[in-house]
C-alpha atoms as a PDB file:
ATOM      1  CA  MET A   1     133.150 101.082  68.003  1.00  0.00           C
ATOM      2  CA  SER A   2     131.915 100.045  72.126  1.00  0.00           C
ATOM      3  CA  THR A   3     133.455  97.737  74.479  1.00  0.00           C
ATOM      4  CA  ASN A   4     130.810  95.622  73.851  1.00  0.00           C
ATOM      5  CA  ALA A   5     130.243  94.868  70.796  1.00  0.00           C
ATOM      6  CA  LEU A   6     134.030  93.987  70.378  1.00  0.00           C
ATOM      7  CA  SER A   7     133.411  91.773  73.280  1.00  0.00           C
ATOM      8  CA  SER A   8     130.491  89.746  72.009  1.00  0.00           C
ATOM      9  CA  THR A   9     132.435  89.732  68.018  1.00  0.00           C
ATOM     10  CA  THR A  10     136.388  89.009  69.007  1.00  0.00           C
ATOM     11  CA  PRO A  11     137.220  86.294  70.387  1.00  0.00           C
ATOM     12  CA  HIS A  12     139.174  86.109  73.425  1.00  0.00           C
ATOM     13  CA  VAL A  13     142.642  85.959  73.602  1.00  0.00           C
ATOM     14  CA  ASP A  14     144.467  85.727  76.785  1.00  0.00           C
ATOM     15  CA  PHE A  15     147.722  87.858  77.323  1.00  0.00           C
ATOM     16  CA  SER A  16     148.607  86.101  80.740  1.00  0.00           C
ATOM     17  CA  ARG A  17     151.951  86.001  81.833  1.00  0.00           C
ATOM     18  CA  GLN A  18     152.697  88.287  78.514  1.00  0.00           C
ATOM     19  CA  LEU A  19     154.745  91.611  78.747  1.00  0.00           C
ATOM     20  CA  LEU A  20     152.578  94.604  77.375  1.00  0.00           C
ATOM     21  CA  VAL A  21     154.829  97.274  76.173  1.00  0.00           C
ATOM     22  CA  ALA A  22     153.631 100.816  75.809  1.00  0.00           C
ATOM     23  CA  MET A  23     153.633 102.310  72.148  1.00  0.00           C
ATOM     24  CA  PRO A  24     154.930 105.887  72.385  1.00  0.00           C
ATOM     25  CA  GLY A  25     151.707 108.439  71.482  1.00  0.00           C
ATOM     26  CA  MET A  26     149.202 105.703  71.951  1.00  0.00           C
ATOM     27  CA  VAL A  27     149.407 105.100  75.821  1.00  0.00           C
ATOM     28  CA  SER A  28     148.756 108.228  77.590  1.00  0.00           C
ATOM     29  CA  GLY A  29     149.192 109.097  81.316  1.00  0.00           C
ATOM     30  CA  SER A  30     150.676 107.008  84.328  1.00  0.00           C
ATOM     31  CA  LEU A  31     150.629 104.067  81.627  1.00  0.00           C
ATOM     32  CA  ALA A  32     152.655 106.008  79.267  1.00  0.00           C
ATOM     33  CA  ASP A  33     156.328 104.421  78.040  1.00  0.00           C
ATOM     34  CA  THR A  34     155.762 101.356  80.266  1.00  0.00           C
ATOM     35  CA  VAL A  35     155.950  97.801  80.531  1.00  0.00           C
ATOM     36  CA  ILE A  36     153.194  96.215  82.629  1.00  0.00           C
ATOM     37  CA  TYR A  37     153.070  92.330  83.313  1.00  0.00           C
ATOM     38  CA  ILE A  38     149.681  90.679  82.910  1.00  0.00           C
ATOM     39  CA  CYS A  39     148.676  88.291  85.663  1.00  0.00           C
ATOM     40  CA  GLU A  40     145.333  87.797  84.900  1.00  0.00           C
ATOM     41  CA  HIS A  41     143.435  88.067  81.862  1.00  0.00           C
ATOM     42  CA  SER A  42     139.749  86.524  81.361  1.00  0.00           C
ATOM     43  CA  ALA A  43     136.634  87.834  78.844  1.00  0.00           C
ATOM     44  CA  GLN A  44     136.180  89.594  82.505  1.00  0.00           C
ATOM     45  CA  GLY A  45     139.294  91.941  82.369  1.00  0.00           C
ATOM     46  CA  ALA A  46     142.454  91.558  83.161  1.00  0.00           C
ATOM     47  CA  LEU A  47     144.881  92.673  85.970  1.00  0.00           C
ATOM     48  CA  GLY A  48     148.751  93.320  85.131  1.00  0.00           C
ATOM     49  CA  LEU A  49     151.483  95.660  87.360  1.00  0.00           C
ATOM     50  CA  VAL A  50     154.099  97.824  85.948  1.00  0.00           C
ATOM     51  CA  ILE A  51     157.261  96.275  85.989  1.00  0.00           C
ATOM     52  CA  ASN A  52     159.597  99.266  84.997  1.00  0.00           C
ATOM     53  CA  ARG A  53     158.587 102.651  87.028  1.00  0.00           C
ATOM     54  CA  PRO A  54     160.206 102.352  90.538  1.00  0.00           C
ATOM     55  CA  THR A  55     159.080 104.723  93.344  1.00  0.00           C
ATOM     56  CA  ASP A  56     161.555 106.234  96.109  1.00  0.00           C
ATOM     57  CA  MET A  57     160.091 103.711  98.303  1.00  0.00           C
ATOM     58  CA  THR A  58     162.186 100.719  99.532  1.00  0.00           C
ATOM     59  CA  VAL A  59     160.669  97.084 100.577  1.00  0.00           C
ATOM     60  CA  GLY A  60     162.612  98.428 104.310  1.00  0.00           C
ATOM     61  CA  ASP A  61     160.192 101.870 104.070  1.00  0.00           C
ATOM     62  CA  LEU A  62     157.333  99.952 102.880  1.00  0.00           C
ATOM     63  CA  LEU A  63     157.816  97.161 105.497  1.00  0.00           C
ATOM     64  CA  THR A  64     158.721  99.688 108.663  1.00  0.00           C
ATOM     65  CA  ARG A  65     155.107 101.381 107.482  1.00  0.00           C
ATOM     66  CA  LEU A  66     153.275  98.380 107.501  1.00  0.00           C
ATOM     67  CA  ASP A  67     154.885  97.743 111.177  1.00  0.00           C
ATOM     68  CA  VAL A  68     156.536  94.459 110.026  1.00  0.00           C
ATOM     69  CA  GLU A  69     159.364  94.095 112.241  1.00  0.00           C
ATOM     70  CA  LEU A  70     163.023  93.859 109.892  1.00  0.00           C
ATOM     71  CA  SER A  71     165.353  91.385 111.200  1.00  0.00           C
ATOM     72  CA  LEU A  72     169.410  91.463 110.364  1.00  0.00           C
ATOM     73  CA  GLU A  73     168.612  88.404 107.845  1.00  0.00           C
ATOM     74  CA  ILE A  74     166.510  90.823 105.467  1.00  0.00           C
ATOM     75  CA  GLY A  75     169.760  91.778 103.817  1.00  0.00           C
ATOM     76  CA  VAL A  76     169.822  93.956 100.209  1.00  0.00           C
ATOM     77  CA  ARG A  77     166.243  93.066 100.081  1.00  0.00           C
ATOM     78  CA  GLN A  78     164.904  95.909 102.232  1.00  0.00           C
ATOM     79  CA  ALA A  79     166.812  98.273  99.637  1.00  0.00           C
ATOM     80  CA  PHE A  80     165.493  96.791  96.969  1.00  0.00           C
ATOM     81  CA  PRO A  81     162.522  98.967  95.061  1.00  0.00           C
ATOM     82  CA  VAL A  82     158.908  99.670  95.770  1.00  0.00           C
ATOM     83  CA  TYR A  83     157.305 100.245  92.515  1.00  0.00           C
ATOM     84  CA  PHE A  84     154.312 101.841  90.799  1.00  0.00           C
ATOM     85  CA  GLY A  85     152.086  98.962  90.180  1.00  0.00           C
ATOM     86  CA  GLY A  86     149.591 100.907  87.902  1.00  0.00           C
ATOM     87  CA  PRO A  87     146.973 103.383  89.216  1.00  0.00           C
ATOM     88  CA  VAL A  88     144.373 100.734  90.440  1.00  0.00           C
ATOM     89  CA  GLN A  89     144.531 100.608  94.313  1.00  0.00           C
ATOM     90  CA  THR A  90     147.710 102.433  94.834  1.00  0.00           C
ATOM     91  CA  ASP A  91     147.535 102.326  98.777  1.00  0.00           C
ATOM     92  CA  ARG A  92     147.579  97.952  98.198  1.00  0.00           C
ATOM     93  CA  GLY A  93     150.501  95.672  97.901  1.00  0.00           C
ATOM     94  CA  PHE A  94     151.202  93.002  95.526  1.00  0.00           C
ATOM     95  CA  VAL A  95     154.159  90.889  95.130  1.00  0.00           C
ATOM     96  CA  LEU A  96     154.919  89.188  92.430  1.00  0.00           C
ATOM     97  CA  HIS A  97     157.713  87.047  93.253  1.00  0.00           C
ATOM     98  CA  THR A  98     159.042  82.946  92.650  1.00  0.00           C
ATOM     99  CA  PRO A  99     159.036  80.494  93.915  1.00  0.00           C
ATOM    100  CA  VAL A 100     155.065  80.125  94.378  1.00  0.00           C
ATOM    101  CA  GLY A 101     154.980  79.349  97.530  1.00  0.00           C
ATOM    102  CA  GLU A 102     152.359  78.775 100.329  1.00  0.00           C
ATOM    103  CA  TYR A 103     150.095  82.415 100.860  1.00  0.00           C
ATOM    104  CA  SER A 104     147.285  82.874 102.205  1.00  0.00           C
ATOM    105  CA  SER A 105     146.067  85.222  99.355  1.00  0.00           C
ATOM    106  CA  SER A 106     148.335  84.260  96.068  1.00  0.00           C
ATOM    107  CA  ILE A 107     146.813  84.152  92.407  1.00  0.00           C
ATOM    108  CA  ASN A 108     149.159  80.896  91.181  1.00  0.00           C
ATOM    109  CA  MET A 109     150.764  81.888  87.700  1.00  0.00           C
ATOM    110  CA  GLY A 110     152.588  78.316  87.433  1.00  0.00           C
ATOM    111  CA  ASP A 111     156.122  79.619  88.124  1.00  0.00           C
ATOM    112  CA  MET A 112     155.485  82.463  89.630  1.00  0.00           C
ATOM    113  CA  ALA A 113     153.015  83.449  91.783  1.00  0.00           C
ATOM    114  CA  LEU A 114     150.978  86.935  92.979  1.00  0.00           C
ATOM    115  CA  THR A 115     150.451  87.414  96.393  1.00  0.00           C
ATOM    116  CA  THR A 116     148.519  90.413  98.079  1.00  0.00           C
ATOM    117  CA  SER A 117     148.457  88.817 102.159  1.00  0.00           C
ATOM    118  CA  LEU A 118     150.928  90.514 104.767  1.00  0.00           C
ATOM    119  CA  ASP A 119     152.556  86.792 105.644  1.00  0.00           C
ATOM    120  CA  VAL A 120     155.115  87.025 102.584  1.00  0.00           C
ATOM    121  CA  LEU A 121     156.170  90.554 103.747  1.00  0.00           C
ATOM    122  CA  GLN A 122     156.682  89.143 107.139  1.00  0.00           C
ATOM    123  CA  GLU A 123     158.294  86.433 105.457  1.00  0.00           C
ATOM    124  CA  ILE A 124     160.596  88.586 103.003  1.00  0.00           C
ATOM    125  CA  ALA A 125     161.491  90.835 106.610  1.00  0.00           C
ATOM    126  CA  ALA A 126     162.732  87.885 107.725  1.00  0.00           C
ATOM    127  CA  GLY A 127     165.358  87.295 105.233  1.00  0.00           C
ATOM    128  CA  SER A 128     163.197  84.206 103.753  1.00  0.00           C
ATOM    129  CA  GLY A 129     159.967  83.816 101.755  1.00  0.00           C
ATOM    130  CA  PRO A 130     160.285  84.257  97.650  1.00  0.00           C
ATOM    131  CA  ASP A 131     164.361  83.831  95.787  1.00  0.00           C
ATOM    132  CA  GLN A 132     162.930  86.513  93.816  1.00  0.00           C
ATOM    133  CA  LEU A 133     160.735  89.245  94.106  1.00  0.00           C
ATOM    134  CA  LEU A 134     158.961  92.750  92.970  1.00  0.00           C
ATOM    135  CA  VAL A 135     157.066  94.615  94.821  1.00  0.00           C
ATOM    136  CA  THR A 136     154.363  97.003  93.940  1.00  0.00           C
ATOM    137  CA  LEU A 137     151.981  99.628  95.126  1.00  0.00           C
ATOM    138  CA  GLY A 138     148.630  99.689  92.739  1.00  0.00           C
ATOM    139  CA  TYR A 139     148.217  97.442  89.337  1.00  0.00           C
ATOM    140  CA  ALA A 140     146.843  98.129  85.872  1.00  0.00           C
ATOM    141  CA  GLY A 141     143.194  96.860  85.335  1.00  0.00           C
ATOM    142  CA  TRP A 142     141.094  96.707  82.447  1.00  0.00           C
ATOM    143  CA  GLY A 143     137.065  95.920  82.186  1.00  0.00           C
ATOM    144  CA  GLU A 144     135.840  93.410  80.133  1.00  0.00           C
ATOM    145  CA  GLY A 145     136.959  93.905  76.380  1.00  0.00           C
ATOM    146  CA  GLN A 146     138.936  96.794  77.532  1.00  0.00           C
ATOM    147  CA  LEU A 147     142.269  95.259  77.162  1.00  0.00           C
ATOM    148  CA  GLU A 148     141.144  93.566  73.453  1.00  0.00           C
ATOM    149  CA  ASP A 149     140.071  96.345  72.400  1.00  0.00           C
ATOM    150  CA  GLU A 150     143.473  98.498  73.317  1.00  0.00           C
ATOM    151  CA  MET A 151     145.243  96.257  71.504  1.00  0.00           C
ATOM    152  CA  ALA A 152     143.380  95.953  68.376  1.00  0.00           C
ATOM    153  CA  GLN A 153     143.751  99.882  68.328  1.00  0.00           C
ATOM    154  CA  GLY A 154     147.940  99.155  68.507  1.00  0.00           C
ATOM    155  CA  ALA A 155     148.593 100.468  72.186  1.00  0.00           C
ATOM    156  CA  TRP A 156     150.716  97.374  73.374  1.00  0.00           C
ATOM    157  CA  LEU A 157     153.226  95.146  72.017  1.00  0.00           C
ATOM    158  CA  HIS A 158     152.429  92.252  73.468  1.00  0.00           C
ATOM    159  CA  VAL A 159     155.818  89.220  74.462  1.00  0.00           C
ATOM    160  CA  GLU A 160     156.739  86.394  76.111  1.00  0.00           C
ATOM    161  CA  ALA A 161     157.336  87.371  79.555  1.00  0.00           C
ATOM    162  CA  ASN A 162     160.992  85.998  81.198  1.00  0.00           C
ATOM    163  CA  LEU A 163     162.412  85.833  84.649  1.00  0.00           C
ATOM    164  CA  ASP A 164     164.978  87.937  83.604  1.00  0.00           C
ATOM    165  CA  ILE A 165     163.254  90.902  82.400  1.00  0.00           C
ATOM    166  CA  LEU A 166     161.171  90.549  85.575  1.00  0.00           C
ATOM    167  CA  PHE A 167     163.859  90.317  88.339  1.00  0.00           C
ATOM    168  CA  ALA A 168     167.116  90.534  87.424  1.00  0.00           C
ATOM    169  CA  ILE A 169     167.059  93.352  84.557  1.00  0.00           C
ATOM    170  CA  PRO A 170     167.280  96.635  86.131  1.00  0.00           C
ATOM    171  CA  ALA A 171     164.248  99.023  85.959  1.00  0.00           C
ATOM    172  CA  SER A 172     165.648 101.110  83.184  1.00  0.00           C
ATOM    173  CA  GLU A 173     166.248  98.264  80.481  1.00  0.00           C
ATOM    174  CA  ARG A 174     163.438  96.886  80.693  1.00  0.00           C
ATOM    175  CA  TYR A 175     161.736  98.376  78.015  1.00  0.00           C
ATOM    176  CA  GLN A 176     164.263  98.454  75.857  1.00  0.00           C
ATOM    177  CA  ALA A 177     164.575  93.994  76.860  1.00  0.00           C
ATOM    178  CA  ALA A 178     161.149  93.614  76.129  1.00  0.00           C
ATOM    179  CA  LEU A 179     160.896  95.101  72.894  1.00  0.00           C
ATOM    180  CA  ALA A 180     164.281  93.839  72.049  1.00  0.00           C
ATOM    181  CA  GLN A 181     162.766  90.258  72.312  1.00  0.00           C
ATOM    182  CA  LEU A 182     160.283  91.356  69.096  1.00  0.00           C
ATOM    183  CA  GLY A 183     163.879  92.543  67.356  1.00  0.00           C
ATOM    184  CA  ILE A 184     162.324  96.096  67.854  1.00  0.00           C
ATOM    185  CA  ASP A 185     164.660  98.502  68.131  1.00  0.00           C
ATOM    186  CA  PRO A 186     162.620 101.943  70.489  1.00  0.00           C
ATOM    187  CA  ILE A 187     164.287 104.425  67.842  1.00  0.00           C
ATOM    188  CA  MET A 188     162.261 102.324  65.282  1.00  0.00           C
ATOM    189  CA  LEU A 189     159.119 103.457  67.214  1.00  0.00           C
ATOM    190  CA  THR A 190     159.484 107.372  68.133  1.00  0.00           C
ATOM    191  CA  GLY A 191     159.506 107.877  64.148  1.00  0.00           C
ATOM    192  CA  ALA A 192     156.229 106.275  63.575  1.00  0.00           C
ATOM    193  CA  ALA A 193     154.732 107.532  66.760  1.00  0.00           C
ATOM    194  CA  GLY A 194     151.657 109.664  66.144  1.00  0.00           C
ATOM    195  CA  HIS A 195     151.386 109.074  62.526  1.00  0.00           C
ATOM    196  CA  ALA A 196     148.451 107.408  61.003  1.00  0.00           C
END
C-alpha cells in the first residue's frame, strides 16, 4: 500500500510525546534497537530524537567546537554525552530540555521544549539554563503517513514518555525501561522477531 493511499484512509494518530521502541528484526540500519522520543507529529510527518545512543562526544566537546566559552559553573554537564539523535541533519544540534525557558528557536511541548538555537547552549556553558537536558546531533524524521505506515507494520511499539527515561535512567537501560512500562521483557521480543 502506498503512503498516500494509507494517509488518505487512515485517521491521523498523534504520537507526540510518546516513546517509540524499535521492534527487533523490524527496524534496521541506524535506528535498530533505538528508543525515540517523538517531539512533533502531524499529518505532514513526524520529528523525533533517539535517546539511547550516546556518542563519544561530550557537551563540553561540542561547546568547544562551537567556540562557546565554558565557565567553571558548567560543572558535570560538560561531561554529559551528546547523543546520535537520528540520521537526518547530523551536523545540527538539538537540545531536549526542561523547564521550557525562553529561547529563540524552540518547540514547546508542555513541560519540555526542543531548542535548536545557540542561546540554550550558551546558558549551559555559563552554568545556567535548563535543569534537565539531552543534547543530540541529528534527528529521526518521517514524511506524510510514513510513521503511521511503519506503526501499522509493527515496526515500533509506543509508550507514554516520562522524564526519568528521558533524563535520569542511563542510556544503556532506556530500551528496557520503555519496554518495562508496557510490561514487556526484551527477551520476549527476540524469539518472535522475523516470524510472520
